[in-house]
Amino acid sequence: MRAVSAPLFRSLIAEDMHAVDRVIRARLYSDVVLIRQVAEYIIGAGGKRLRPALVLLSAQACGLQGPVAHELAAMIEFIHTATLLHDDVVDESDLRRGRETANALFGNAASVLVGDFLYTRAFQMMVSCHDMRILEVMAEATNIIAEGEVLQLLNIGNTDIDEQQYLQVIQYKTAKLFEAAGRVGALAAKADEAHIQALADYGMYLGTAFQIIDDVLDYSGDAGTIGKSLGDDLAEGKPTLPLIYVMRQGETADAELVREALQNASRDHFDAVLAAVHRSGALAYARQQAEAVAAKAIAALAVIPDSPVKTAMQELAQLAVNRDA
């Protein structure tokens, strides 16, 4: 069997990612044993590490490699991990990345408090970089992410939500950290304003496309591949783009079925909802929207000088929408 080569972006930053992992391990240390156990458990689960990868790629695109980029990439991963710990408590999730969530294993209180530890440790890492603009970017980003979490909570069971409201939630909750990763990498490299904004825009579009596909996979993926139970979004009453499309464009009976399932926040009728989603063409529509946003991410890179890193970032935008996990 022929070996499958790693994506170009992974190859370009492989050594840097090893350095980021070393920073993560060092910065996770605490005298409090439970903090180490919970943090190691969720960090050790792996994941795509796209956000720290974006910090490294943005920095490299602007000419920076080394310890500062590694520290900031690890910082971004800590922020992301903290949000995962808190999300799983709010969503009452019991499976992530194919294994038990930290809250299922250690309890809700430990997950929330260790999430707080990771947030505050991340800000210690930001301060150590001695760059007020980076602090400003991350302070704004974490605040907007929190607003996105609350917006999502308010929209649980909301059958009147439209596509623009959905996009606002995912841009706040998910894409904002991608945007911050792109901007922070460029800021650390002392790039000019045009390049900083281009890489921030790239991150926002990349994160938006990534989340749309995540929402598609909840109705088209394989539980073993995506690392969570299919139908989780429906069970939590989350009106994601595929369901919004059925409610707006599907047959009357299908639209009513989805509305009722969302309002009841139950997986009981998942098979019927899944059939309605497929009948309506909702998944194809959502993928088209993700592809259009990914194209905007690629276009945002126009001002960045051509290089293997730029090519890798263009490839990454395409990979974000052409995936099954």
C-alpha atoms as a PDB file:
ATOM      1  CA  MET A   1       0.000   0.000   0.000  1.00  0.00           C
ATOM      2  CA  ARG A   2       1.349   3.429  -0.952  1.00  0.00           C
ATOM      3  CA  ALA A   3       1.942   5.752   2.004  1.00  0.00           C
ATOM      4  CA  VAL A   4      -0.241   8.841   2.134  1.00  0.00           C
ATOM      5  CA  SER A   5       1.861  11.984   2.329  1.00  0.00           C
ATOM      6  CA  ALA A   6       1.133  14.587   4.961  1.00  0.00           C
ATOM      7  CA  PRO A   7      -0.524  17.828   3.861  1.00  0.00           C
ATOM      8  CA  LEU A   8       2.005  20.470   2.840  1.00  0.00           C
ATOM      9  CA  PHE A   9       1.177  22.703   5.804  1.00  0.00           C
ATOM     10  CA  ARG A  10       1.916  19.847   8.227  1.00  0.00           C
ATOM     11  CA  SER A  11       5.252  19.144   6.559  1.00  0.00           C
ATOM     12  CA  LEU A  12       6.346  22.791   6.657  1.00  0.00           C
ATOM     13  CA  ILE A  13       5.696  23.226  10.365  1.00  0.00           C
ATOM     14  CA  ALA A  14       6.429  19.700  11.635  1.00  0.00           C
ATOM     15  CA  GLU A  15       9.517  20.657  13.658  1.00  0.00           C
ATOM     16  CA  ASP A  16       7.846  23.804  14.949  1.00  0.00           C
ATOM     17  CA  MET A  17       4.826  21.792  16.110  1.00  0.00           C
ATOM     18  CA  HIS A  18       7.144  19.499  18.074  1.00  0.00           C
ATOM     19  CA  ALA A  19       8.546  22.623  19.725  1.00  0.00           C
ATOM     20  CA  VAL A  20       5.000  23.834  20.462  1.00  0.00           C
ATOM     21  CA  ASP A  21       4.220  20.487  22.091  1.00  0.00           C
ATOM     22  CA  ARG A  22       7.250  20.919  24.347  1.00  0.00           C
ATOM     23  CA  VAL A  23       6.048  24.384  25.345  1.00  0.00           C
ATOM     24  CA  ILE A  24       2.577  22.988  26.064  1.00  0.00           C
ATOM     25  CA  ARG A  25       3.985  20.297  28.333  1.00  0.00           C
ATOM     26  CA  ALA A  26       6.173  22.772  30.189  1.00  0.00           C
ATOM     27  CA  ARG A  27       3.424  25.359  30.625  1.00  0.00           C
ATOM     28  CA  LEU A  28       0.887  22.769  31.809  1.00  0.00           C
ATOM     29  CA  TYR A  29       2.867  22.189  34.961  1.00  0.00           C
ATOM     30  CA  SER A  30       1.122  22.948  38.246  1.00  0.00           C
ATOM     31  CA  ASP A  31       1.767  21.873  41.802  1.00  0.00           C
ATOM     32  CA  VAL A  32      -1.925  20.914  41.922  1.00  0.00           C
ATOM     33  CA  VAL A  33      -2.095  17.312  40.747  1.00  0.00           C
ATOM     34  CA  LEU A  34      -5.700  17.445  39.515  1.00  0.00           C
ATOM     35  CA  ILE A  35      -4.882  20.366  37.214  1.00  0.00           C
ATOM     36  CA  ARG A  36      -2.088  18.364  35.616  1.00  0.00           C
ATOM     37  CA  GLN A  37      -4.293  15.292  35.260  1.00  0.00           C
ATOM     38  CA  VAL A  38      -7.233  17.044  33.591  1.00  0.00           C
ATOM     39  CA  ALA A  39      -5.122  19.296  31.386  1.00  0.00           C
ATOM     40  CA  GLU A  40      -2.888  16.418  30.284  1.00  0.00           C
ATOM     41  CA  TYR A  41      -5.950  14.300  29.548  1.00  0.00           C
ATOM     42  CA  ILE A  42      -7.543  16.734  27.130  1.00  0.00           C
ATOM     43  CA  ILE A  43      -4.301  18.031  25.571  1.00  0.00           C
ATOM     44  CA  GLY A  44      -3.116  14.452  25.220  1.00  0.00           C
ATOM     45  CA  ALA A  45      -6.221  13.591  23.198  1.00  0.00           C
ATOM     46  CA  GLY A  46      -4.528  15.331  20.299  1.00  0.00           C
ATOM     47  CA  GLY A  47      -6.863  16.920  17.801  1.00  0.00           C
ATOM     48  CA  LYS A  48      -6.128  18.803  14.613  1.00  0.00           C
ATOM     49  CA  ARG A  49      -4.180  21.622  16.297  1.00  0.00           C
ATOM     50  CA  LEU A  50      -5.238  23.932  13.464  1.00  0.00           C
ATOM     51  CA  ARG A  51      -5.194  27.095  15.560  1.00  0.00           C
ATOM     52  CA  PRO A  52      -1.564  26.796  16.703  1.00  0.00           C
ATOM     53  CA  ALA A  53      -0.681  25.674  13.176  1.00  0.00           C
ATOM     54  CA  LEU A  54      -2.213  28.906  11.871  1.00  0.00           C
ATOM     55  CA  VAL A  55      -0.084  30.983  14.268  1.00  0.00           C
ATOM     56  CA  LEU A  56       3.033  29.261  12.948  1.00  0.00           C
ATOM     57  CA  LEU A  57       2.022  29.572   9.292  1.00  0.00           C
ATOM     58  CA  SER A  58       1.117  33.250   9.628  1.00  0.00           C
ATOM     59  CA  ALA A  59       4.377  33.991  11.394  1.00  0.00           C
ATOM     60  CA  GLN A  60       6.370  32.097   8.755  1.00  0.00           C
ATOM     61  CA  ALA A  61       4.498  33.855   5.943  1.00  0.00           C
ATOM     62  CA  CYS A  62       5.842  37.095   7.412  1.00  0.00           C
ATOM     63  CA  GLY A  63       9.365  35.804   8.040  1.00  0.00           C
ATOM     64  CA  LEU A  64       9.290  34.661  11.689  1.00  0.00           C
ATOM     65  CA  GLN A  65      10.171  31.276  13.164  1.00  0.00           C
ATOM     66  CA  GLY A  66      11.356  30.366  16.627  1.00  0.00           C
ATOM     67  CA  PRO A  67      10.512  30.509  20.328  1.00  0.00           C
ATOM     68  CA  VAL A  68       8.146  33.518  20.225  1.00  0.00           C
ATOM     69  CA  ALA A  69       5.961  31.853  17.604  1.00  0.00           C
ATOM     70  CA  HIS A  70       6.053  28.581  19.561  1.00  0.00           C
ATOM     71  CA  GLU A  71       4.941  30.302  22.760  1.00  0.00           C
ATOM     72  CA  LEU A  72       2.061  32.088  21.025  1.00  0.00           C
ATOM     73  CA  ALA A  73       0.957  28.926  19.229  1.00  0.00           C
ATOM     74  CA  ALA A  74       0.832  27.069  22.563  1.00  0.00           C
ATOM     75  CA  MET A  75      -1.061  30.003  24.091  1.00  0.00           C
ATOM     76  CA  ILE A  76      -3.724  29.779  21.370  1.00  0.00           C
ATOM     77  CA  GLU A  77      -4.070  26.032  21.971  1.00  0.00           C
ATOM     78  CA  PHE A  78      -4.574  26.679  25.702  1.00  0.00           C
ATOM     79  CA  ILE A  79      -7.386  29.128  24.954  1.00  0.00           C
ATOM     80  CA  HIS A  80      -8.989  26.592  22.621  1.00  0.00           C
ATOM     81  CA  THR A  81      -8.634  23.787  25.160  1.00  0.00           C
ATOM     82  CA  ALA A  82     -10.206  25.925  27.871  1.00  0.00           C
ATOM     83  CA  THR A  83     -13.233  26.537  25.638  1.00  0.00           C
ATOM     84  CA  LEU A  84     -13.530  22.781  24.988  1.00  0.00           C
ATOM     85  CA  LEU A  85     -13.562  22.040  28.713  1.00  0.00           C
ATOM     86  CA  HIS A  86     -16.264  24.632  29.309  1.00  0.00           C
ATOM     87  CA  ASP A  87     -18.264  23.649  26.191  1.00  0.00           C
ATOM     88  CA  ASP A  88     -18.479  20.021  27.217  1.00  0.00           C
ATOM     89  CA  VAL A  89     -19.883  20.990  30.601  1.00  0.00           C
ATOM     90  CA  VAL A  90     -22.463  23.350  29.077  1.00  0.00           C
ATOM     91  CA  ASP A  91     -23.430  20.812  26.385  1.00  0.00           C
ATOM     92  CA  GLU A  92     -23.347  17.870  28.818  1.00  0.00           C
ATOM     93  CA  SER A  93     -21.187  16.031  26.272  1.00  0.00           C
ATOM     94  CA  ASP A  94     -19.707  12.644  27.074  1.00  0.00           C
ATOM     95  CA  LEU A  95     -17.584  11.984  23.988  1.00  0.00           C
ATOM     96  CA  ARG A  96     -14.903  14.065  22.278  1.00  0.00           C
ATOM     97  CA  ARG A  97     -12.132  12.965  19.910  1.00  0.00           C
ATOM     98  CA  GLY A  98     -13.357   9.400  20.294  1.00  0.00           C
ATOM     99  CA  ARG A  99     -13.054   9.118  24.068  1.00  0.00           C
ATOM    100  CA  GLU A 100     -14.738  10.264  27.266  1.00  0.00           C
ATOM    101  CA  THR A 101     -14.867  14.007  27.828  1.00  0.00           C
ATOM    102  CA  ALA A 102     -12.974  15.411  30.794  1.00  0.00           C
ATOM    103  CA  ASN A 103     -16.227  16.316  32.550  1.00  0.00           C
ATOM    104  CA  ALA A 104     -17.504  12.749  32.167  1.00  0.00           C
ATOM    105  CA  LEU A 105     -14.278  11.419  33.676  1.00  0.00           C
ATOM    106  CA  PHE A 106     -13.352  14.039  36.291  1.00  0.00           C
ATOM    107  CA  GLY A 107     -16.659  15.845  36.888  1.00  0.00           C
ATOM    108  CA  ASN A 108     -18.048  19.233  35.882  1.00  0.00           C
ATOM    109  CA  ALA A 109     -16.413  21.220  38.676  1.00  0.00           C
ATOM    110  CA  ALA A 110     -12.909  20.008  37.820  1.00  0.00           C
ATOM    111  CA  SER A 111     -13.457  20.696  34.105  1.00  0.00           C
ATOM    112  CA  VAL A 112     -14.640  24.256  34.668  1.00  0.00           C
ATOM    113  CA  LEU A 113     -11.869  25.097  37.101  1.00  0.00           C
ATOM    114  CA  VAL A 114      -9.091  23.577  34.994  1.00  0.00           C
ATOM    115  CA  GLY A 115     -10.515  25.460  32.021  1.00  0.00           C
ATOM    116  CA  ASP A 116     -10.097  28.627  34.095  1.00  0.00           C
ATOM    117  CA  PHE A 117      -6.508  27.622  34.854  1.00  0.00           C
ATOM    118  CA  LEU A 118      -5.741  27.223  31.138  1.00  0.00           C
ATOM    119  CA  TYR A 119      -7.305  30.607  30.322  1.00  0.00           C
ATOM    120  CA  THR A 120      -5.248  32.383  32.957  1.00  0.00           C
ATOM    121  CA  ARG A 121      -2.063  30.491  32.062  1.00  0.00           C
ATOM    122  CA  ALA A 122      -2.595  31.577  28.451  1.00  0.00           C
ATOM    123  CA  PHE A 123      -2.683  35.217  29.532  1.00  0.00           C
ATOM    124  CA  GLN A 124       0.528  34.734  31.511  1.00  0.00           C
ATOM    125  CA  MET A 125       2.100  33.473  28.280  1.00  0.00           C
ATOM    126  CA  MET A 126       0.824  36.500  26.354  1.00  0.00           C
ATOM    127  CA  VAL A 127       2.304  38.878  28.906  1.00  0.00           C
ATOM    128  CA  SER A 128       5.680  37.180  28.580  1.00  0.00           C
ATOM    129  CA  CYS A 129       5.801  38.266  24.921  1.00  0.00           C
ATOM    130  CA  HIS A 130       5.791  41.957  25.960  1.00  0.00           C
ATOM    131  CA  ASP A 131       3.555  43.037  23.075  1.00  0.00           C
ATOM    132  CA  MET A 132       0.514  45.111  24.010  1.00  0.00           C
ATOM    133  CA  ARG A 133      -1.111  44.634  20.599  1.00  0.00           C
ATOM    134  CA  ILE A 134      -1.100  40.872  21.041  1.00  0.00           C
ATOM    135  CA  LEU A 135      -2.682  41.285  24.464  1.00  0.00           C
ATOM    136  CA  GLU A 136      -5.347  43.547  22.975  1.00  0.00           C
ATOM    137  CA  VAL A 137      -6.114  41.054  20.203  1.00  0.00           C
ATOM    138  CA  MET A 138      -6.468  38.148  22.619  1.00  0.00           C
ATOM    139  CA  ALA A 139      -8.474  40.107  25.178  1.00  0.00           C
ATOM    140  CA  GLU A 140     -10.967  41.045  22.466  1.00  0.00           C
ATOM    141  CA  ALA A 141     -11.020  37.541  21.003  1.00  0.00           C
ATOM    142  CA  THR A 142     -11.696  35.770  24.299  1.00  0.00           C
ATOM    143  CA  ASN A 143     -14.455  38.263  25.121  1.00  0.00           C
ATOM    144  CA  ILE A 144     -16.140  37.728  21.750  1.00  0.00           C
ATOM    145  CA  ILE A 145     -15.814  33.944  22.078  1.00  0.00           C
ATOM    146  CA  ALA A 146     -17.674  34.186  25.392  1.00  0.00           C
ATOM    147  CA  GLU A 147     -20.384  36.265  23.699  1.00  0.00           C
ATOM    148  CA  GLY A 148     -20.639  33.588  21.016  1.00  0.00           C
ATOM    149  CA  GLU A 149     -21.142  30.908  23.655  1.00  0.00           C
ATOM    150  CA  VAL A 150     -23.990  32.903  25.173  1.00  0.00           C
ATOM    151  CA  LEU A 151     -25.519  33.562  21.741  1.00  0.00           C
ATOM    152  CA  GLN A 152     -25.448  29.839  21.050  1.00  0.00           C
ATOM    153  CA  LEU A 153     -27.110  29.181  24.395  1.00  0.00           C
ATOM    154  CA  LEU A 154     -29.851  31.699  23.609  1.00  0.00           C
ATOM    155  CA  ASN A 155     -30.459  30.005  20.261  1.00  0.00           C
ATOM    156  CA  ILE A 156     -31.003  26.528  21.692  1.00  0.00           C
ATOM    157  CA  GLY A 157     -34.321  25.346  20.288  1.00  0.00           C
ATOM    158  CA  ASN A 158     -34.743  28.566  18.288  1.00  0.00           C
ATOM    159  CA  THR A 159     -36.598  27.608  15.102  1.00  0.00           C
ATOM    160  CA  ASP A 160     -36.808  31.221  13.898  1.00  0.00           C
ATOM    161  CA  ILE A 161     -33.048  31.656  13.494  1.00  0.00           C
ATOM    162  CA  ASP A 162     -31.883  32.670  10.026  1.00  0.00           C
ATOM    163  CA  GLU A 163     -28.598  32.026   8.229  1.00  0.00           C
ATOM    164  CA  GLN A 164     -27.073  35.372   9.185  1.00  0.00           C
ATOM    165  CA  GLN A 165     -27.739  34.780  12.868  1.00  0.00           C
ATOM    166  CA  TYR A 166     -26.183  31.327  12.561  1.00  0.00           C
ATOM    167  CA  LEU A 167     -23.095  32.801  10.898  1.00  0.00           C
ATOM    168  CA  GLN A 168     -22.766  35.371  13.677  1.00  0.00           C
ATOM    169  CA  VAL A 169     -22.710  32.598  16.273  1.00  0.00           C
ATOM    170  CA  ILE A 170     -20.020  30.541  14.532  1.00  0.00           C
ATOM    171  CA  GLN A 171     -17.936  33.601  13.680  1.00  0.00           C
ATOM    172  CA  TYR A 172     -17.975  34.636  17.334  1.00  0.00           C
ATOM    173  CA  LYS A 173     -17.680  31.181  18.894  1.00  0.00           C
ATOM    174  CA  THR A 174     -15.260  29.461  16.507  1.00  0.00           C
ATOM    175  CA  ALA A 175     -13.852  31.681  13.763  1.00  0.00           C
ATOM    176  CA  LYS A 176     -12.769  34.496  16.098  1.00  0.00           C
ATOM    177  CA  LEU A 177      -9.974  32.371  17.550  1.00  0.00           C
ATOM    178  CA  PHE A 178      -8.821  31.427  14.034  1.00  0.00           C
ATOM    179  CA  GLU A 179      -8.787  35.134  13.187  1.00  0.00           C
ATOM    180  CA  ALA A 180      -6.782  35.884  16.326  1.00  0.00           C
ATOM    181  CA  ALA A 181      -4.300  33.113  15.461  1.00  0.00           C
ATOM    182  CA  GLY A 182      -3.679  34.603  12.025  1.00  0.00           C
ATOM    183  CA  ARG A 183      -3.354  38.123  13.397  1.00  0.00           C
ATOM    184  CA  VAL A 184      -1.092  37.151  16.319  1.00  0.00           C
ATOM    185  CA  GLY A 185       1.345  35.292  14.063  1.00  0.00           C
ATOM    186  CA  ALA A 186       1.665  38.342  11.819  1.00  0.00           C
ATOM    187  CA  LEU A 187       1.970  40.729  14.769  1.00  0.00           C
ATOM    188  CA  ALA A 188       4.744  38.647  16.306  1.00  0.00           C
ATOM    189  CA  ALA A 189       6.590  38.872  12.980  1.00  0.00           C
ATOM    190  CA  LYS A 190       6.241  42.685  12.985  1.00  0.00           C
ATOM    191  CA  ALA A 191       4.460  42.507   9.623  1.00  0.00           C
ATOM    192  CA  ASP A 192       2.950  45.561   7.962  1.00  0.00           C
ATOM    193  CA  GLU A 193      -0.722  46.382   8.451  1.00  0.00           C
ATOM    194  CA  ALA A 194      -1.828  45.021   5.072  1.00  0.00           C
ATOM    195  CA  HIS A 195      -0.304  41.626   5.801  1.00  0.00           C
ATOM    196  CA  ILE A 196      -1.650  41.564   9.365  1.00  0.00           C
ATOM    197  CA  GLN A 197      -5.186  42.251   8.152  1.00  0.00           C
ATOM    198  CA  ALA A 198      -4.908  39.752   5.302  1.00  0.00           C
ATOM    199  CA  LEU A 199      -3.868  36.956   7.651  1.00  0.00           C
ATOM    200  CA  ALA A 200      -6.584  37.890  10.147  1.00  0.00           C
ATOM    201  CA  ASP A 201      -9.184  37.793   7.355  1.00  0.00           C
ATOM    202  CA  TYR A 202      -7.821  34.461   6.183  1.00  0.00           C
ATOM    203  CA  GLY A 203      -8.221  33.086   9.702  1.00  0.00           C
ATOM    204  CA  MET A 204     -11.804  34.343  10.021  1.00  0.00           C
ATOM    205  CA  TYR A 205     -12.848  32.809   6.709  1.00  0.00           C
ATOM    206  CA  LEU A 206     -10.974  29.568   7.412  1.00  0.00           C
ATOM    207  CA  GLY A 207     -12.623  29.191  10.820  1.00  0.00           C
ATOM    208  CA  THR A 208     -16.076  29.902   9.400  1.00  0.00           C
ATOM    209  CA  ALA A 209     -15.683  27.305   6.653  1.00  0.00           C
ATOM    210  CA  PHE A 210     -14.279  24.805   9.150  1.00  0.00           C
ATOM    211  CA  GLN A 211     -17.267  25.156  11.491  1.00  0.00           C
ATOM    212  CA  ILE A 212     -19.842  24.881   8.710  1.00  0.00           C
ATOM    213  CA  ILE A 213     -18.275  21.563   7.710  1.00  0.00           C
ATOM    214  CA  ASP A 214     -18.233  20.440  11.347  1.00  0.00           C
ATOM    215  CA  ASP A 215     -21.979  21.060  11.415  1.00  0.00           C
ATOM    216  CA  VAL A 216     -22.409  19.152   8.150  1.00  0.00           C
ATOM    217  CA  LEU A 217     -20.512  16.173   9.547  1.00  0.00           C
ATOM    218  CA  ASP A 218     -22.997  15.854  12.404  1.00  0.00           C
ATOM    219  CA  TYR A 219     -25.454  14.677   9.742  1.00  0.00           C
ATOM    220  CA  SER A 220     -23.124  12.954   7.307  1.00  0.00           C
ATOM    221  CA  GLY A 221     -20.046  11.731   9.152  1.00  0.00           C
ATOM    222  CA  ASP A 222     -19.083   8.534  10.909  1.00  0.00           C
ATOM    223  CA  ALA A 223     -19.054   8.633  14.697  1.00  0.00           C
ATOM    224  CA  GLY A 224     -15.772   6.730  14.875  1.00  0.00           C
ATOM    225  CA  THR A 225     -14.152   9.127  12.437  1.00  0.00           C
ATOM    226  CA  ILE A 226     -15.421  12.447  13.758  1.00  0.00           C
ATOM    227  CA  GLY A 227     -14.889  11.421  17.379  1.00  0.00           C
ATOM    228  CA  LYS A 228     -18.322  12.273  18.707  1.00  0.00           C
ATOM    229  CA  SER A 229     -21.824  10.833  18.570  1.00  0.00           C
ATOM    230  CA  LEU A 230     -23.841  11.672  15.484  1.00  0.00           C
ATOM    231  CA  GLY A 231     -26.859  13.793  16.292  1.00  0.00           C
ATOM    232  CA  ASP A 232     -25.220  15.607  19.193  1.00  0.00           C
ATOM    233  CA  ASP A 233     -26.213  18.987  17.744  1.00  0.00           C
ATOM    234  CA  LEU A 234     -29.833  17.872  17.427  1.00  0.00           C
ATOM    235  CA  ALA A 235     -29.832  16.432  20.952  1.00  0.00           C
ATOM    236  CA  GLU A 236     -28.572  19.793  22.229  1.00  0.00           C
ATOM    237  CA  GLY A 237     -31.192  21.724  20.254  1.00  0.00           C
ATOM    238  CA  LYS A 238     -28.601  23.538  18.126  1.00  0.00           C
ATOM    239  CA  PRO A 239     -30.048  24.995  14.908  1.00  0.00           C
ATOM    240  CA  THR A 240     -27.077  24.524  12.589  1.00  0.00           C
ATOM    241  CA  LEU A 241     -27.012  25.385   8.886  1.00  0.00           C
ATOM    242  CA  PRO A 242     -28.312  22.024   7.566  1.00  0.00           C
ATOM    243  CA  LEU A 243     -31.347  22.255   9.859  1.00  0.00           C
ATOM    244  CA  ILE A 244     -31.920  25.931   9.082  1.00  0.00           C
ATOM    245  CA  TYR A 245     -31.962  25.052   5.384  1.00  0.00           C
ATOM    246  CA  VAL A 246     -34.568  22.300   5.907  1.00  0.00           C
ATOM    247  CA  MET A 247     -36.768  24.671   7.932  1.00  0.00           C
ATOM    248  CA  ARG A 248     -36.539  27.353   5.242  1.00  0.00           C
ATOM    249  CA  GLN A 249     -36.369  25.334   2.006  1.00  0.00           C
ATOM    250  CA  GLY A 250     -37.532  21.796   2.796  1.00  0.00           C
ATOM    251  CA  GLU A 251     -40.935  20.221   2.326  1.00  0.00           C
ATOM    252  CA  THR A 252     -43.538  21.368   4.842  1.00  0.00           C
ATOM    253  CA  ALA A 253     -43.602  18.044   6.704  1.00  0.00           C
ATOM    254  CA  ASP A 254     -39.791  17.896   6.872  1.00  0.00           C
ATOM    255  CA  ALA A 255     -39.566  21.484   8.102  1.00  0.00           C
ATOM    256  CA  GLU A 256     -42.101  20.789  10.829  1.00  0.00           C
ATOM    257  CA  LEU A 257     -40.277  17.612  11.846  1.00  0.00           C
ATOM    258  CA  VAL A 258     -37.023  19.544  12.280  1.00  0.00           C
ATOM    259  CA  ARG A 259     -38.714  22.339  14.240  1.00  0.00           C
ATOM    260  CA  GLU A 260     -40.266  19.847  16.638  1.00  0.00           C
ATOM    261  CA  ALA A 261     -37.004  17.945  17.097  1.00  0.00           C
ATOM    262  CA  LEU A 262     -35.088  21.165  17.835  1.00  0.00           C
ATOM    263  CA  GLN A 263     -37.665  22.404  20.301  1.00  0.00           C
ATOM    264  CA  ASN A 264     -37.618  19.060  22.124  1.00  0.00           C
ATOM    265  CA  ALA A 265     -33.783  18.893  21.969  1.00  0.00           C
ATOM    266  CA  SER A 266     -33.899  15.148  21.509  1.00  0.00           C
ATOM    267  CA  ARG A 267     -32.060  12.550  19.470  1.00  0.00           C
ATOM    268  CA  ASP A 268     -35.181  10.342  19.453  1.00  0.00           C
ATOM    269  CA  HIS A 269     -36.136  11.310  15.904  1.00  0.00           C
ATOM    270  CA  PHE A 270     -32.597  11.612  14.564  1.00  0.00           C
ATOM    271  CA  ASP A 271     -33.094   9.060  11.776  1.00  0.00           C
ATOM    272  CA  ALA A 272     -36.185  10.882  10.503  1.00  0.00           C
ATOM    273  CA  VAL A 273     -34.436  14.247  10.708  1.00  0.00           C
ATOM    274  CA  LEU A 274     -31.390  12.797   8.964  1.00  0.00           C
ATOM    275  CA  ALA A 275     -33.606  11.580   6.122  1.00  0.00           C
ATOM    276  CA  ALA A 276     -35.204  15.033   5.867  1.00  0.00           C
ATOM    277  CA  VAL A 277     -31.790  16.694   5.755  1.00  0.00           C
ATOM    278  CA  HIS A 278     -30.706  14.437   2.893  1.00  0.00           C
ATOM    279  CA  ARG A 279     -33.994  14.830   0.986  1.00  0.00           C
ATOM    280  CA  SER A 280     -33.802  18.605   1.102  1.00  0.00           C
ATOM    281  CA  GLY A 281     -30.283  18.932  -0.301  1.00  0.00           C
ATOM    282  CA  ALA A 282     -29.247  20.746   2.882  1.00  0.00           C
ATOM    283  CA  LEU A 283     -25.830  19.112   3.089  1.00  0.00           C
ATOM    284  CA  ALA A 284     -24.915  20.021  -0.484  1.00  0.00           C
ATOM    285  CA  TYR A 285     -26.062  23.590   0.160  1.00  0.00           C
ATOM    286  CA  ALA A 286     -24.037  23.870   3.379  1.00  0.00           C
ATOM    287  CA  ARG A 287     -20.938  22.479   1.678  1.00  0.00           C
ATOM    288  CA  GLN A 288     -21.358  25.037  -1.120  1.00  0.00           C
ATOM    289  CA  GLN A 289     -21.473  27.821   1.461  1.00  0.00           C
ATOM    290  CA  ALA A 290     -18.341  26.459   3.144  1.00  0.00           C
ATOM    291  CA  GLU A 291     -16.549  26.257  -0.202  1.00  0.00           C
ATOM    292  CA  ALA A 292     -17.489  29.860  -0.991  1.00  0.00           C
ATOM    293  CA  VAL A 293     -16.084  31.025   2.352  1.00  0.00           C
ATOM    294  CA  ALA A 294     -12.916  28.960   1.852  1.00  0.00           C
ATOM    295  CA  ALA A 295     -12.466  30.684  -1.513  1.00  0.00           C
ATOM    296  CA  LYS A 296     -12.587  34.026   0.330  1.00  0.00           C
ATOM    297  CA  ALA A 297      -9.868  32.756   2.673  1.00  0.00           C
ATOM    298  CA  ILE A 298      -7.653  31.964  -0.304  1.00  0.00           C
ATOM    299  CA  ALA A 299      -8.414  35.341  -1.907  1.00  0.00           C
ATOM    300  CA  ALA A 300      -7.424  37.119   1.313  1.00  0.00           C
ATOM    301  CA  LEU A 301      -3.871  35.830   0.819  1.00  0.00           C
ATOM    302  CA  ALA A 302      -3.436  37.758  -2.450  1.00  0.00           C
ATOM    303  CA  VAL A 303      -1.232  40.407  -0.792  1.00  0.00           C
ATOM    304  CA  ILE A 304       1.018  37.804   0.846  1.00  0.00           C
ATOM    305  CA  PRO A 305       4.199  37.121  -1.194  1.00  0.00           C
ATOM    306  CA  ASP A 306       4.277  33.774  -2.977  1.00  0.00           C
ATOM    307  CA  SER A 307       6.091  31.075  -1.025  1.00  0.00           C
ATOM    308  CA  PRO A 308       5.662  27.433   0.013  1.00  0.00           C
ATOM    309  CA  VAL A 309       3.934  28.717   3.173  1.00  0.00           C
ATOM    310  CA  LYS A 310       1.366  30.649   1.158  1.00  0.00           C
ATOM    311  CA  THR A 311       0.749  27.577  -1.003  1.00  0.00           C
ATOM    312  CA  ALA A 312       0.290  25.503   2.159  1.00  0.00           C
ATOM    313  CA  MET A 313      -2.244  27.990   3.537  1.00  0.00           C
ATOM    314  CA  GLN A 314      -4.192  27.855   0.282  1.00  0.00           C
ATOM    315  CA  GLU A 315      -4.179  24.068   0.531  1.00  0.00           C
ATOM    316  CA  LEU A 316      -5.305  24.243   4.162  1.00  0.00           C
ATOM    317  CA  ALA A 317      -8.393  26.255   3.183  1.00  0.00           C
ATOM    318  CA  GLN A 318      -9.314  23.547   0.692  1.00  0.00           C
ATOM    319  CA  LEU A 319      -8.652  20.770   3.224  1.00  0.00           C
ATOM    320  CA  ALA A 320     -10.936  22.478   5.730  1.00  0.00           C
ATOM    321  CA  VAL A 321     -13.943  21.827   3.507  1.00  0.00           C
ATOM    322  CA  ASN A 322     -12.848  18.560   1.862  1.00  0.00           C
ATOM    323  CA  ARG A 323     -12.700  16.399   4.958  1.00  0.00           C
ATOM    324  CA  ASP A 324     -14.667  13.702   6.747  1.00  0.00           C
ATOM    325  CA  ALA A 325     -13.512  14.412  10.300  1.00  0.00           C
END
